[in-house]
C-alpha atoms as a PDB file:
ATOM      1  CA  MET A   1       9.191  -0.078  25.798  1.00  0.00           C
ATOM      2  CA  THR A   2      10.491   0.055  22.229  1.00  0.00           C
ATOM      3  CA  ILE A   3      11.438  -3.619  22.216  1.00  0.00           C
ATOM      4  CA  LEU A   4       8.036  -4.493  23.664  1.00  0.00           C
ATOM      5  CA  PHE A   5       6.429  -2.466  20.848  1.00  0.00           C
ATOM      6  CA  VAL A   6       8.226  -4.480  18.167  1.00  0.00           C
ATOM      7  CA  VAL A   7       7.737  -7.847  19.897  1.00  0.00           C
ATOM      8  CA  LEU A   8       4.002  -7.239  20.315  1.00  0.00           C
ATOM      9  CA  ILE A   9       3.649  -6.351  16.649  1.00  0.00           C
ATOM     10  CA  LEU A  10       5.597  -9.437  15.561  1.00  0.00           C
ATOM     11  CA  ALA A  11       3.567 -11.719  17.826  1.00  0.00           C
ATOM     12  CA  ALA A  12       0.301 -10.186  16.652  1.00  0.00           C
ATOM     13  CA  CYS A  13       1.216 -10.569  12.996  1.00  0.00           C
ATOM     14  CA  CYS A  14       2.273 -14.186  13.517  1.00  0.00           C
ATOM     15  CA  LEU A  15      -1.004 -14.997  15.277  1.00  0.00           C
ATOM     16  CA  LEU A  16      -3.043 -13.317  12.569  1.00  0.00           C
ATOM     17  CA  TYR A  17      -1.096 -15.135   9.864  1.00  0.00           C
ATOM     18  CA  LEU A  18      -1.275 -18.543  11.547  1.00  0.00           C
ATOM     19  CA  SER A  19      -5.030 -18.235  12.057  1.00  0.00           C
ATOM     20  CA  HIS A  20      -5.621 -17.722   8.337  1.00  0.00           C
ATOM     21  CA  ARG A  21      -6.628 -20.723   6.259  1.00  0.00           C
ATOM     22  CA  HIS A  22      -3.958 -20.085   3.607  1.00  0.00           C
ATOM     23  CA  GLN A  23      -0.995 -20.076   5.979  1.00  0.00           C
ATOM     24  CA  GLY A  24       1.809 -22.466   5.116  1.00  0.00           C
ATOM     25  CA  TRP A  25       3.573 -23.040   8.423  1.00  0.00           C
ATOM     26  CA  LEU A  26       1.256 -25.459  10.182  1.00  0.00           C
ATOM     27  CA  ALA A  27      -0.669 -28.480   8.932  1.00  0.00           C
ATOM     28  CA  GLN A  28      -3.886 -26.952  10.303  1.00  0.00           C
ATOM     29  CA  PRO A  29      -4.391 -23.229  10.951  1.00  0.00           C
ATOM     30  CA  LEU A  30      -5.024 -21.975  14.448  1.00  0.00           C
ATOM     31  CA  ALA A  31      -8.656 -21.576  15.466  1.00  0.00           C
ATOM     32  CA  ALA A  32      -9.809 -18.287  13.998  1.00  0.00           C
ATOM     33  CA  ARG A  33     -12.168 -17.182  16.748  1.00  0.00           C
ATOM     34  CA  PRO A  34      -9.866 -16.703  19.742  1.00  0.00           C
ATOM     35  CA  TRP A  35      -6.500 -16.199  18.034  1.00  0.00           C
ATOM     36  CA  ARG A  36      -7.517 -13.456  15.630  1.00  0.00           C
ATOM     37  CA  TRP A  37      -8.978 -11.468  18.508  1.00  0.00           C
ATOM     38  CA  VAL A  38      -5.804 -12.024  20.512  1.00  0.00           C
ATOM     39  CA  GLY A  39      -3.763 -10.829  17.534  1.00  0.00           C
ATOM     40  CA  LEU A  40      -5.870  -7.694  17.171  1.00  0.00           C
ATOM     41  CA  LEU A  41      -5.628  -7.041  20.902  1.00  0.00           C
ATOM     42  CA  LEU A  42      -1.841  -7.362  20.714  1.00  0.00           C
ATOM     43  CA  LEU A  43      -1.769  -4.895  17.822  1.00  0.00           C
ATOM     44  CA  LEU A  44      -3.747  -2.370  19.846  1.00  0.00           C
ATOM     45  CA  LEU A  45      -1.516  -2.941  22.850  1.00  0.00           C
ATOM     46  CA  ALA A  46       1.519  -2.404  20.624  1.00  0.00           C
ATOM     47  CA  LEU A  47       0.058   0.895  19.460  1.00  0.00           C
ATOM     48  CA  ALA A  48      -0.361   1.976  23.078  1.00  0.00           C
ATOM     49  CA  CYS A  49       3.278   1.061  23.788  1.00  0.00           C
ATOM     50  CA  GLY A  50       4.393   2.907  20.680  1.00  0.00           C
ATOM     51  CA  LEU A  51       2.471   6.019  21.640  1.00  0.00           C
ATOM     52  CA  ARG A  52       4.214   6.018  25.022  1.00  0.00           C
ATOM     53  CA  SER A  53       7.656   5.502  23.453  1.00  0.00           C
ATOM     54  CA  PHE A  54       7.570   7.715  20.361  1.00  0.00           C
ATOM     55  CA  SER A  55       5.833  10.787  19.069  1.00  0.00           C
ATOM     56  CA  THR A  56       2.347  10.185  17.710  1.00  0.00           C
ATOM     57  CA  ILE A  57       3.336  10.395  14.053  1.00  0.00           C
ATOM     58  CA  ALA A  58       6.339   8.104  14.477  1.00  0.00           C
ATOM     59  CA  ALA A  59       4.342   5.558  16.491  1.00  0.00           C
ATOM     60  CA  VAL A  60       1.508   5.382  13.969  1.00  0.00           C
ATOM     61  CA  PHE A  61       3.939   5.169  11.049  1.00  0.00           C
ATOM     62  CA  ALA A  62       5.892   2.326  12.681  1.00  0.00           C
ATOM     63  CA  TRP A  63       2.633   0.654  13.728  1.00  0.00           C
ATOM     64  CA  LEU A  64       1.563   0.593  10.077  1.00  0.00           C
ATOM     65  CA  ALA A  65       4.953  -0.040   8.426  1.00  0.00           C
ATOM     66  CA  ILE A  66       6.168  -2.945  10.571  1.00  0.00           C
ATOM     67  CA  PRO A  67       3.071  -5.136  10.001  1.00  0.00           C
ATOM     68  CA  MET A  68       3.231  -4.333   6.291  1.00  0.00           C
ATOM     69  CA  LEU A  69       6.800  -5.647   6.201  1.00  0.00           C
ATOM     70  CA  VAL A  70       6.031  -8.644   8.407  1.00  0.00           C
ATOM     71  CA  PHE A  71       2.962  -9.687   6.410  1.00  0.00           C
ATOM     72  CA  SER A  72       5.057  -9.442   3.238  1.00  0.00           C
ATOM     73  CA  VAL A  73       7.788 -11.706   4.609  1.00  0.00           C
ATOM     74  CA  LEU A  74       5.835 -14.288   6.654  1.00  0.00           C
ATOM     75  CA  PRO A  75       4.564 -16.356   3.700  1.00  0.00           C
ATOM     76  CA  PHE A  76       8.119 -16.898   2.488  1.00  0.00           C
ATOM     77  CA  PHE A  77       9.117 -18.572   5.754  1.00  0.00           C
ATOM     78  CA  SER A  78       6.939 -21.527   4.782  1.00  0.00           C
ATOM     79  CA  LEU A  79       9.331 -22.140   1.887  1.00  0.00           C
ATOM     80  CA  LEU A  80      12.231 -22.338   4.331  1.00  0.00           C
ATOM     81  CA  ILE A  81      10.271 -24.680   6.584  1.00  0.00           C
ATOM     82  CA  GLN A  82       9.463 -26.990   3.655  1.00  0.00           C
ATOM     83  CA  ARG A  83      13.086 -26.928   2.508  1.00  0.00           C
ATOM     84  CA  GLY A  84      14.206 -27.907   6.008  1.00  0.00           C
ATOM     85  CA  ARG A  85      11.706 -30.783   6.125  1.00  0.00           C
ATOM     86  CA  ARG A  86      12.932 -32.093   2.775  1.00  0.00           C
ATOM     87  CA  GLY A  87      16.533 -31.914   3.959  1.00  0.00           C
ATOM     88  CA  GLU A  88      15.763 -33.968   7.088  1.00  0.00           C
ATOM     89  CA  SER A  89      14.305 -36.942   5.224  1.00  0.00           C
END
């Protein structure tokens, strides 16, 4: 259940990031309407998994801290993707 908690949070954060117009991974962002709702649903599902795995305080803390870390790191992956594309050509 713990691994599912982390995977759901990572997937939700990636969907929320990729549906934003300022994302740098894709040429065009994902459609905002369905994918943002799916991302929010995954975040809520992750909270439910966390509440079943951990104590309430630990689950809520991890549920808030992991997305904060992921949203801080995700924009920097676009730099790695661009570097890889330049190295291929």
